[in-house]
Amino acid sequence: MSQNSIKEIIVYSIKEEYKDQIPEVLNELRSSVKNIPGFNQVTTFQACNDPLTMTDIVDWNSLEEAQQAMKNVQNNPEYAGLMKYFNETVYFNHFRHLL
């Protein structure tokens, strides 16, 4: 990963009905994105005071690839089944290295 890579930060919540399956849900999500062009890795954090709230920090090669991936996921029926796990997206944005 270079200083030119882009970080995508997503804060989201998992639906209550999947609370006992969080590791499986996250593994399914990771498997579905690992071959998207420009994707490097994802690190997931769980909120200490709310185990259904997650933060993903995704590393992309470029902003263009990250944005294209977002469009592809939104428009691809293959990913529609994954959306059933999400309650809401609280925050989503892309960041570049500053210092």
N, C-alpha and C. Protein backbone atom coordinates (compact mmCIF):
# COMPACT_ATOMS: atom_id res chain seq x y z
N MET A 1 0.85 -1.18 0.00
CA MET A 1 0.00 0.00 0.00
C MET A 1 0.89 1.24 0.00
N SER A 2 0.59 2.11 -0.89
CA SER A 2 1.40 3.32 -1.00
C SER A 2 0.66 4.50 -0.37
N GLN A 3 1.38 5.61 -0.28
CA GLN A 3 0.74 6.82 0.24
C GLN A 3 -0.29 7.35 -0.74
N ASN A 4 -0.30 6.85 -1.96
CA ASN A 4 -1.29 7.28 -2.95
C ASN A 4 -2.58 6.49 -2.85
N SER A 5 -2.59 5.45 -2.04
CA SER A 5 -3.82 4.67 -1.93
C SER A 5 -4.91 5.48 -1.25
N ILE A 6 -6.11 5.02 -1.44
CA ILE A 6 -7.30 5.69 -0.91
C ILE A 6 -7.90 4.82 0.19
N LYS A 7 -8.30 5.46 1.27
CA LYS A 7 -9.00 4.76 2.35
C LYS A 7 -10.47 5.09 2.25
N GLU A 8 -11.27 4.07 2.29
CA GLU A 8 -12.72 4.22 2.30
C GLU A 8 -13.17 3.87 3.71
N ILE A 9 -13.87 4.78 4.35
CA ILE A 9 -14.34 4.54 5.71
C ILE A 9 -15.86 4.44 5.68
N ILE A 10 -16.33 3.32 6.21
CA ILE A 10 -17.77 3.05 6.22
C ILE A 10 -18.16 2.68 7.65
N VAL A 11 -19.12 3.39 8.19
CA VAL A 11 -19.70 3.04 9.48
C VAL A 11 -21.11 2.56 9.20
N TYR A 12 -21.42 1.38 9.65
CA TYR A 12 -22.71 0.78 9.32
C TYR A 12 -23.18 -0.11 10.47
N SER A 13 -24.44 -0.47 10.42
CA SER A 13 -24.96 -1.38 11.44
C SER A 13 -25.52 -2.63 10.77
N ILE A 14 -25.35 -3.72 11.48
CA ILE A 14 -25.87 -5.02 11.06
C ILE A 14 -27.26 -5.19 11.69
N LYS A 15 -28.15 -5.80 10.96
CA LYS A 15 -29.50 -6.03 11.51
C LYS A 15 -29.44 -6.96 12.72
N GLU A 16 -30.30 -6.67 13.66
CA GLU A 16 -30.37 -7.41 14.92
C GLU A 16 -30.49 -8.93 14.69
N GLU A 17 -31.23 -9.31 13.69
CA GLU A 17 -31.46 -10.75 13.45
C GLU A 17 -30.18 -11.51 13.06
N TYR A 18 -29.12 -10.78 12.72
CA TYR A 18 -27.85 -11.42 12.34
C TYR A 18 -26.78 -11.28 13.43
N LYS A 19 -27.16 -10.83 14.62
CA LYS A 19 -26.17 -10.54 15.67
C LYS A 19 -25.36 -11.76 16.07
N ASP A 20 -25.92 -12.95 15.98
CA ASP A 20 -25.18 -14.16 16.34
C ASP A 20 -24.37 -14.72 15.17
N GLN A 21 -24.47 -14.07 14.03
CA GLN A 21 -23.77 -14.55 12.83
C GLN A 21 -22.77 -13.52 12.30
N ILE A 22 -22.37 -12.57 13.11
CA ILE A 22 -21.53 -11.48 12.62
C ILE A 22 -20.23 -11.98 11.97
N PRO A 23 -19.49 -12.91 12.57
CA PRO A 23 -18.27 -13.38 11.89
C PRO A 23 -18.55 -13.98 10.50
N GLU A 24 -19.62 -14.73 10.40
CA GLU A 24 -19.97 -15.34 9.11
C GLU A 24 -20.39 -14.27 8.09
N VAL A 25 -21.17 -13.30 8.56
CA VAL A 25 -21.60 -12.20 7.69
C VAL A 25 -20.38 -11.44 7.16
N LEU A 26 -19.45 -11.10 8.06
CA LEU A 26 -18.27 -10.34 7.65
C LEU A 26 -17.40 -11.15 6.70
N ASN A 27 -17.27 -12.45 6.93
CA ASN A 27 -16.49 -13.28 6.01
C ASN A 27 -17.13 -13.35 4.64
N GLU A 28 -18.45 -13.42 4.60
CA GLU A 28 -19.15 -13.42 3.30
C GLU A 28 -18.93 -12.10 2.56
N LEU A 29 -19.01 -11.00 3.30
CA LEU A 29 -18.78 -9.69 2.69
C LEU A 29 -17.36 -9.56 2.16
N ARG A 30 -16.39 -10.00 2.93
CA ARG A 30 -14.99 -9.94 2.51
C ARG A 30 -14.75 -10.79 1.27
N SER A 31 -15.32 -11.97 1.25
CA SER A 31 -15.14 -12.84 0.09
C SER A 31 -15.71 -12.22 -1.18
N SER A 32 -16.78 -11.47 -1.02
CA SER A 32 -17.44 -10.89 -2.19
C SER A 32 -16.68 -9.71 -2.78
N VAL A 33 -15.85 -9.04 -1.99
CA VAL A 33 -15.16 -7.85 -2.50
C VAL A 33 -13.68 -8.07 -2.80
N LYS A 34 -13.13 -9.18 -2.38
CA LYS A 34 -11.67 -9.35 -2.47
C LYS A 34 -11.13 -9.37 -3.90
N ASN A 35 -11.97 -9.67 -4.89
CA ASN A 35 -11.49 -9.71 -6.27
C ASN A 35 -11.90 -8.50 -7.10
N ILE A 36 -12.46 -7.49 -6.46
CA ILE A 36 -12.83 -6.27 -7.18
C ILE A 36 -11.55 -5.52 -7.57
N PRO A 37 -11.44 -5.09 -8.82
CA PRO A 37 -10.23 -4.37 -9.25
C PRO A 37 -9.94 -3.16 -8.36
N GLY A 38 -8.69 -3.06 -7.92
CA GLY A 38 -8.27 -1.94 -7.10
C GLY A 38 -8.35 -2.18 -5.62
N PHE A 39 -9.04 -3.23 -5.21
CA PHE A 39 -9.19 -3.55 -3.79
C PHE A 39 -7.89 -4.13 -3.26
N ASN A 40 -7.46 -3.65 -2.08
CA ASN A 40 -6.27 -4.19 -1.42
C ASN A 40 -6.62 -4.98 -0.17
N GLN A 41 -7.31 -4.33 0.75
CA GLN A 41 -7.67 -5.01 1.99
C GLN A 41 -8.75 -4.24 2.73
N VAL A 42 -9.36 -4.91 3.69
CA VAL A 42 -10.34 -4.27 4.55
C VAL A 42 -10.04 -4.67 5.99
N THR A 43 -10.16 -3.70 6.88
CA THR A 43 -10.04 -3.94 8.32
C THR A 43 -11.35 -3.52 8.95
N THR A 44 -11.92 -4.41 9.76
CA THR A 44 -13.22 -4.14 10.37
C THR A 44 -13.07 -3.97 11.88
N PHE A 45 -13.74 -2.95 12.39
CA PHE A 45 -13.77 -2.67 13.82
C PHE A 45 -15.22 -2.75 14.28
N GLN A 46 -15.41 -3.24 15.51
CA GLN A 46 -16.73 -3.34 16.11
C GLN A 46 -16.83 -2.33 17.24
N ALA A 47 -17.93 -1.60 17.29
CA ALA A 47 -18.12 -0.60 18.35
C ALA A 47 -18.15 -1.28 19.71
N CYS A 48 -17.46 -0.70 20.67
CA CYS A 48 -17.39 -1.28 22.02
C CYS A 48 -18.74 -1.25 22.73
N ASN A 49 -19.52 -0.21 22.49
CA ASN A 49 -20.80 -0.06 23.19
C ASN A 49 -22.00 -0.51 22.38
N ASP A 50 -21.77 -0.99 21.15
CA ASP A 50 -22.87 -1.46 20.30
C ASP A 50 -22.32 -2.50 19.34
N PRO A 51 -22.43 -3.78 19.67
CA PRO A 51 -21.82 -4.83 18.86
C PRO A 51 -22.41 -4.98 17.46
N LEU A 52 -23.47 -4.27 17.16
CA LEU A 52 -24.04 -4.32 15.81
C LEU A 52 -23.50 -3.22 14.91
N THR A 53 -22.74 -2.29 15.48
CA THR A 53 -22.17 -1.19 14.69
C THR A 53 -20.72 -1.51 14.34
N MET A 54 -20.42 -1.42 13.05
CA MET A 54 -19.10 -1.75 12.52
C MET A 54 -18.51 -0.54 11.80
N THR A 55 -17.20 -0.52 11.75
CA THR A 55 -16.48 0.43 10.91
C THR A 55 -15.51 -0.36 10.06
N ASP A 56 -15.61 -0.19 8.75
CA ASP A 56 -14.66 -0.79 7.82
C ASP A 56 -13.73 0.28 7.30
N ILE A 57 -12.45 -0.02 7.29
CA ILE A 57 -11.47 0.83 6.62
C ILE A 57 -10.94 0.00 5.46
N VAL A 58 -11.29 0.43 4.27
CA VAL A 58 -10.96 -0.31 3.06
C VAL A 58 -9.85 0.42 2.33
N ASP A 59 -8.85 -0.33 1.90
CA ASP A 59 -7.73 0.26 1.17
C ASP A 59 -7.90 -0.04 -0.32
N TRP A 60 -7.89 1.03 -1.13
CA TRP A 60 -8.03 0.93 -2.58
C TRP A 60 -6.79 1.51 -3.25
N ASN A 61 -6.50 1.03 -4.45
CA ASN A 61 -5.38 1.58 -5.22
C ASN A 61 -5.59 3.04 -5.58
N SER A 62 -6.83 3.39 -5.92
CA SER A 62 -7.11 4.76 -6.38
C SER A 62 -8.55 5.13 -6.07
N LEU A 63 -8.80 6.43 -6.08
CA LEU A 63 -10.16 6.92 -5.88
C LEU A 63 -11.08 6.45 -7.00
N GLU A 64 -10.57 6.47 -8.22
CA GLU A 64 -11.38 6.05 -9.37
C GLU A 64 -11.82 4.59 -9.23
N GLU A 65 -10.91 3.73 -8.80
CA GLU A 65 -11.29 2.32 -8.64
C GLU A 65 -12.27 2.14 -7.49
N ALA A 66 -12.10 2.89 -6.42
CA ALA A 66 -13.03 2.81 -5.29
C ALA A 66 -14.43 3.26 -5.71
N GLN A 67 -14.50 4.35 -6.46
CA GLN A 67 -15.80 4.85 -6.91
C GLN A 67 -16.45 3.91 -7.91
N GLN A 68 -15.64 3.34 -8.79
CA GLN A 68 -16.19 2.39 -9.78
C GLN A 68 -16.70 1.14 -9.06
N ALA A 69 -15.97 0.69 -8.06
CA ALA A 69 -16.40 -0.48 -7.30
C ALA A 69 -17.75 -0.23 -6.63
N MET A 70 -17.92 0.98 -6.06
CA MET A 70 -19.18 1.33 -5.41
C MET A 70 -20.33 1.26 -6.42
N LYS A 71 -20.12 1.81 -7.61
CA LYS A 71 -21.15 1.77 -8.66
C LYS A 71 -21.47 0.33 -9.05
N ASN A 72 -20.42 -0.47 -9.21
CA ASN A 72 -20.62 -1.86 -9.62
C ASN A 72 -21.39 -2.65 -8.57
N VAL A 73 -21.07 -2.43 -7.32
CA VAL A 73 -21.76 -3.14 -6.24
C VAL A 73 -23.22 -2.72 -6.18
N GLN A 74 -23.49 -1.43 -6.34
CA GLN A 74 -24.87 -0.94 -6.28
C GLN A 74 -25.72 -1.45 -7.44
N ASN A 75 -25.09 -1.70 -8.58
CA ASN A 75 -25.84 -2.08 -9.78
C ASN A 75 -25.77 -3.56 -10.12
N ASN A 76 -25.06 -4.34 -9.32
CA ASN A 76 -24.86 -5.75 -9.63
C ASN A 76 -25.78 -6.61 -8.76
N PRO A 77 -26.66 -7.39 -9.37
CA PRO A 77 -27.58 -8.23 -8.59
C PRO A 77 -26.86 -9.25 -7.71
N GLU A 78 -25.61 -9.58 -8.07
CA GLU A 78 -24.83 -10.53 -7.27
C GLU A 78 -24.64 -10.03 -5.83
N TYR A 79 -24.58 -8.71 -5.67
CA TYR A 79 -24.36 -8.13 -4.35
C TYR A 79 -25.66 -7.81 -3.61
N ALA A 80 -26.78 -7.89 -4.29
CA ALA A 80 -28.06 -7.55 -3.67
C ALA A 80 -28.35 -8.43 -2.45
N GLY A 81 -27.97 -9.69 -2.52
CA GLY A 81 -28.20 -10.60 -1.40
C GLY A 81 -27.44 -10.21 -0.15
N LEU A 82 -26.33 -9.53 -0.33
CA LEU A 82 -25.53 -9.11 0.82
C LEU A 82 -26.16 -7.94 1.57
N MET A 83 -26.96 -7.16 0.88
CA MET A 83 -27.57 -5.98 1.48
C MET A 83 -28.56 -6.34 2.58
N LYS A 84 -29.04 -7.57 2.58
CA LYS A 84 -30.01 -7.99 3.60
C LYS A 84 -29.44 -7.91 5.02
N TYR A 85 -28.12 -7.95 5.15
CA TYR A 85 -27.48 -7.93 6.47
C TYR A 85 -27.44 -6.55 7.10
N PHE A 86 -27.53 -5.51 6.28
CA PHE A 86 -27.31 -4.15 6.76
C PHE A 86 -28.59 -3.48 7.24
N ASN A 87 -28.50 -2.84 8.39
CA ASN A 87 -29.59 -2.02 8.88
C ASN A 87 -29.50 -0.63 8.27
N GLU A 88 -28.31 -0.01 8.37
CA GLU A 88 -28.12 1.31 7.79
C GLU A 88 -26.63 1.60 7.62
N THR A 89 -26.33 2.51 6.71
CA THR A 89 -25.00 3.07 6.58
C THR A 89 -25.02 4.42 7.27
N VAL A 90 -24.21 4.57 8.30
CA VAL A 90 -24.18 5.78 9.10
C VAL A 90 -23.25 6.81 8.46
N TYR A 91 -22.14 6.33 7.91
CA TYR A 91 -21.14 7.23 7.33
C TYR A 91 -20.39 6.50 6.23
N PHE A 92 -20.07 7.24 5.15
CA PHE A 92 -19.31 6.67 4.03
C PHE A 92 -18.54 7.80 3.36
N ASN A 93 -17.22 7.62 3.20
CA ASN A 93 -16.44 8.62 2.50
C ASN A 93 -15.08 8.04 2.13
N HIS A 94 -14.38 8.74 1.22
CA HIS A 94 -13.05 8.35 0.78
C HIS A 94 -12.03 9.38 1.28
N PHE A 95 -10.85 8.88 1.63
CA PHE A 95 -9.80 9.74 2.19
C PHE A 95 -8.46 9.42 1.52
N ARG A 96 -7.67 10.47 1.34
CA ARG A 96 -6.31 10.29 0.82
C ARG A 96 -5.31 10.67 1.89
N HIS A 97 -4.11 10.16 1.77
CA HIS A 97 -3.05 10.43 2.72
C HIS A 97 -2.68 11.91 2.68
N LEU A 98 -2.56 12.52 3.84
CA LEU A 98 -2.24 13.95 3.90
C LEU A 98 -0.81 14.19 4.37
N LEU A 99 -0.43 13.65 5.49
CA LEU A 99 0.91 13.86 6.04
C LEU A 99 1.63 12.55 6.22
